[in-house]
Every structure is written in C-alpha cells, then in structure tokens.
Amino acid sequence: SYAFYFATGLTTCNLPKITSLGNACFMYSKLKNTNFSALETIKAECFRSCTSLTRIDLPALKEIKGASHFSGCTSLTTVILRSSTMVTIENANTFNNTPIASGAGYIYVPADLVSTYQAASIWSIYAAQFRAIEDDPDI
C-alpha cells in the first residue's frame, strides 16, 4: 500500500512478476507506461488520479478489491482484461471520472466474455463500454 503514492516523477513501471498491488499504490503518480503481466489483484484506489495513464493491459487480473481503483484517471480510454474468466469487482465506482465512465473509453475483454461482463451486476454499469479484444487490430 502507498508504495508509489504521489510519485509525480514516475512515468513507467515495469513489474512483470508482481501479483498484487495494495491500496493507493500508484495514486497521483504520472504513470504512462506499465507492465503488470502477472498482476492478479488490485486493491482500493490503486491507480486513482493517475491522470497521464491512457491505456492499461492487465492480462492476469482476477479481482478488483475495494473501490475507486481508476477514479480520476482522466485520460484512461483503454483497459484490457485478457483473463479467460470474468474479473471479479467489488465496487461500481472503479472508473468514476474517467472517459470509460463518460462513454468515451472502452474495456476490452475476450469475445466470449463480452456478454457475461455486460450482464454481471456491478460490471453492467459499463455495459456499453465493453468491446472484444479480437475486434481491435491494435490489441
């Protein structure tokens, strides 16, 4: 928790073996580029107010615990969740004050899971923002 809190000089983070990030870990940092290829769990406010973050790829993510994980990430337009099972989420305010919440960003998931995410109780608030990874040639 709070490992890189307010690290305004931090723009790139390469932690390919880390499996869990604690509360407010990168809150208020200036992250632009990330590599969290083994990350399975993120906790409350992990990336909150990372205003430079435009895209994040979380291939191994399994659960989003707590609240406000990406809240205030005003440039975040692309979230990629590659897991073959739906990522569990505890709170619908995960993407508050982001382009995703306002309809200008997207959450990419495997094609066979799009309708599952859209129908899931908490994820359904973002139903219109789900897209299939396979439909985007840049992913």
Protein backbone atom coordinates (compact mmCIF):
# COMPACT_ATOMS: atom_id res chain seq x y z
CA SER A 1 0.00 0.00 0.00
CA TYR A 2 1.09 3.57 -0.86
CA ALA A 3 4.36 2.32 -2.40
CA PHE A 4 4.46 4.93 -5.18
CA TYR A 5 1.85 7.32 -3.77
CA PHE A 6 2.38 10.83 -5.17
CA ALA A 7 5.41 9.70 -7.19
CA THR A 8 4.93 12.50 -9.71
CA GLY A 9 8.20 11.68 -11.47
CA LEU A 10 7.15 8.08 -12.09
CA THR A 11 6.01 7.62 -15.70
CA THR A 12 6.95 3.98 -16.38
CA CYS A 13 6.54 0.94 -14.17
CA ASN A 14 7.82 -2.49 -15.19
CA LEU A 15 6.86 -5.09 -12.56
CA PRO A 16 6.19 -8.24 -14.62
CA LYS A 17 6.31 -10.66 -11.66
CA ILE A 18 4.22 -8.78 -9.09
CA THR A 19 0.86 -10.48 -8.37
CA SER A 20 -0.83 -7.97 -6.05
CA LEU A 21 -0.89 -4.20 -5.62
CA GLY A 22 -2.08 -2.62 -2.39
CA ASN A 23 -4.24 0.38 -1.58
CA ALA A 24 -3.34 3.65 -3.31
CA CYS A 25 -0.14 2.09 -4.63
CA PHE A 26 0.24 4.49 -7.59
CA MET A 27 -2.27 7.17 -6.53
CA TYR A 28 -1.39 10.59 -8.02
CA SER A 29 1.62 9.27 -9.93
CA LYS A 30 2.17 10.23 -13.58
CA LEU A 31 2.19 6.67 -14.98
CA LYS A 32 2.01 6.41 -18.77
CA ASN A 33 3.57 3.00 -19.47
CA THR A 34 3.08 -0.14 -17.42
CA ASN A 35 3.94 -3.83 -17.43
CA PHE A 36 2.00 -5.82 -14.87
CA SER A 37 1.83 -9.11 -16.77
CA ALA A 38 1.40 -11.32 -13.64
CA LEU A 39 -0.84 -8.96 -11.66
CA GLU A 40 -3.87 -10.83 -10.28
CA THR A 41 -5.26 -8.46 -7.62
CA ILE A 42 -5.56 -4.70 -7.24
CA LYS A 43 -6.87 -3.02 -4.13
CA ALA A 44 -8.68 0.25 -3.41
CA GLU A 45 -7.52 3.42 -5.16
CA CYS A 46 -4.53 1.61 -6.66
CA PHE A 47 -4.29 3.87 -9.74
CA ARG A 48 -6.57 6.69 -8.57
CA SER A 49 -5.88 10.06 -10.20
CA CYS A 50 -3.10 8.80 -12.48
CA THR A 51 -4.06 11.49 -14.98
CA SER A 52 -1.38 10.54 -17.55
CA LEU A 53 -2.50 6.90 -17.82
CA THR A 54 -4.27 6.38 -21.16
CA ARG A 55 -4.11 2.59 -21.51
CA ILE A 56 -3.52 -0.34 -19.18
CA ASP A 57 -3.21 -4.02 -20.08
CA LEU A 58 -3.83 -6.42 -17.19
CA PRO A 59 -3.55 -9.92 -18.72
CA ALA A 60 -3.63 -11.97 -15.49
CA LEU A 61 -6.02 -9.83 -13.43
CA LYS A 62 -8.56 -11.89 -11.44
CA GLU A 63 -10.01 -9.48 -8.88
CA ILE A 64 -10.51 -5.82 -8.16
CA LYS A 65 -10.96 -5.32 -4.41
CA GLY A 66 -12.25 -2.20 -2.71
CA ALA A 67 -13.26 0.96 -4.58
CA SER A 68 -12.10 3.84 -6.80
CA HIS A 69 -9.25 1.93 -8.48
CA PHE A 70 -9.04 4.15 -11.55
CA SER A 71 -11.22 7.03 -10.34
CA GLY A 72 -9.89 10.35 -11.59
CA CYS A 73 -7.75 8.81 -14.35
CA THR A 74 -8.99 11.50 -16.71
CA SER A 75 -7.03 10.22 -19.74
CA LEU A 76 -7.81 6.49 -19.35
CA THR A 77 -9.55 5.36 -22.54
CA THR A 78 -8.42 1.73 -22.79
CA VAL A 79 -8.45 -1.08 -20.23
CA ILE A 80 -7.56 -4.57 -21.46
CA LEU A 81 -8.58 -7.59 -19.36
CA ARG A 82 -7.29 -10.75 -21.06
CA SER A 83 -8.28 -13.35 -18.46
CA SER A 84 -10.33 -16.27 -19.79
CA THR A 85 -12.68 -15.86 -16.81
CA MET A 86 -14.52 -12.73 -15.72
CA VAL A 87 -12.57 -10.48 -13.37
CA THR A 88 -14.43 -10.04 -10.09
CA ILE A 89 -15.11 -6.50 -8.95
CA GLU A 90 -16.39 -5.22 -5.60
CA ASN A 91 -17.50 -1.68 -6.41
CA ALA A 92 -19.10 0.04 -9.40
CA ASN A 93 -17.18 3.28 -8.87
CA THR A 94 -13.94 1.75 -10.17
CA PHE A 95 -13.92 4.01 -13.25
CA ASN A 96 -15.54 7.19 -11.84
CA ASN A 97 -14.34 10.37 -13.53
CA THR A 98 -12.72 8.55 -16.45
CA PRO A 99 -13.52 8.55 -20.18
CA ILE A 100 -14.80 4.98 -19.68
CA ALA A 101 -17.48 6.19 -17.25
CA SER A 102 -18.44 9.02 -19.57
CA GLY A 103 -18.75 6.73 -22.61
CA ALA A 104 -15.56 7.80 -24.39
CA GLY A 105 -13.35 4.86 -23.40
CA TYR A 106 -13.55 1.08 -23.59
CA ILE A 107 -12.88 -2.09 -21.62
CA TYR A 108 -11.57 -4.87 -23.87
CA VAL A 109 -12.18 -8.49 -22.89
CA PRO A 110 -12.15 -11.84 -24.74
CA ALA A 111 -15.05 -12.02 -27.25
CA ASP A 112 -16.73 -14.94 -25.50
CA LEU A 113 -16.94 -12.90 -22.25
CA VAL A 114 -18.37 -9.60 -23.55
CA SER A 115 -22.00 -10.54 -22.82
CA THR A 116 -21.02 -12.05 -19.45
CA TYR A 117 -19.44 -8.77 -18.35
CA GLN A 118 -22.35 -6.74 -19.71
CA ALA A 119 -24.84 -8.81 -17.68
CA ALA A 120 -22.83 -9.01 -14.43
CA SER A 121 -24.38 -6.91 -11.67
CA ILE A 122 -21.53 -4.49 -10.94
CA TRP A 123 -19.90 -4.57 -14.38
CA SER A 124 -23.25 -3.83 -16.08
CA ILE A 125 -22.90 -0.10 -15.32
CA TYR A 126 -20.21 -0.12 -18.04
CA ALA A 127 -22.11 -2.47 -20.38
CA ALA A 128 -21.89 -0.13 -23.40
CA GLN A 129 -18.13 0.22 -22.95
CA PHE A 130 -17.21 -3.45 -23.40
CA ARG A 131 -15.52 -4.50 -26.63
CA ALA A 132 -13.96 -7.75 -27.78
CA ILE A 133 -10.18 -7.83 -27.82
CA GLU A 134 -10.36 -9.73 -31.08
CA ASP A 135 -12.20 -6.83 -32.75
CA ASP A 136 -9.32 -4.37 -32.28
CA PRO A 137 -6.26 -4.93 -34.50
CA ASP A 138 -4.09 -2.79 -32.20
CA ILE A 139 -4.54 -5.05 -29.18
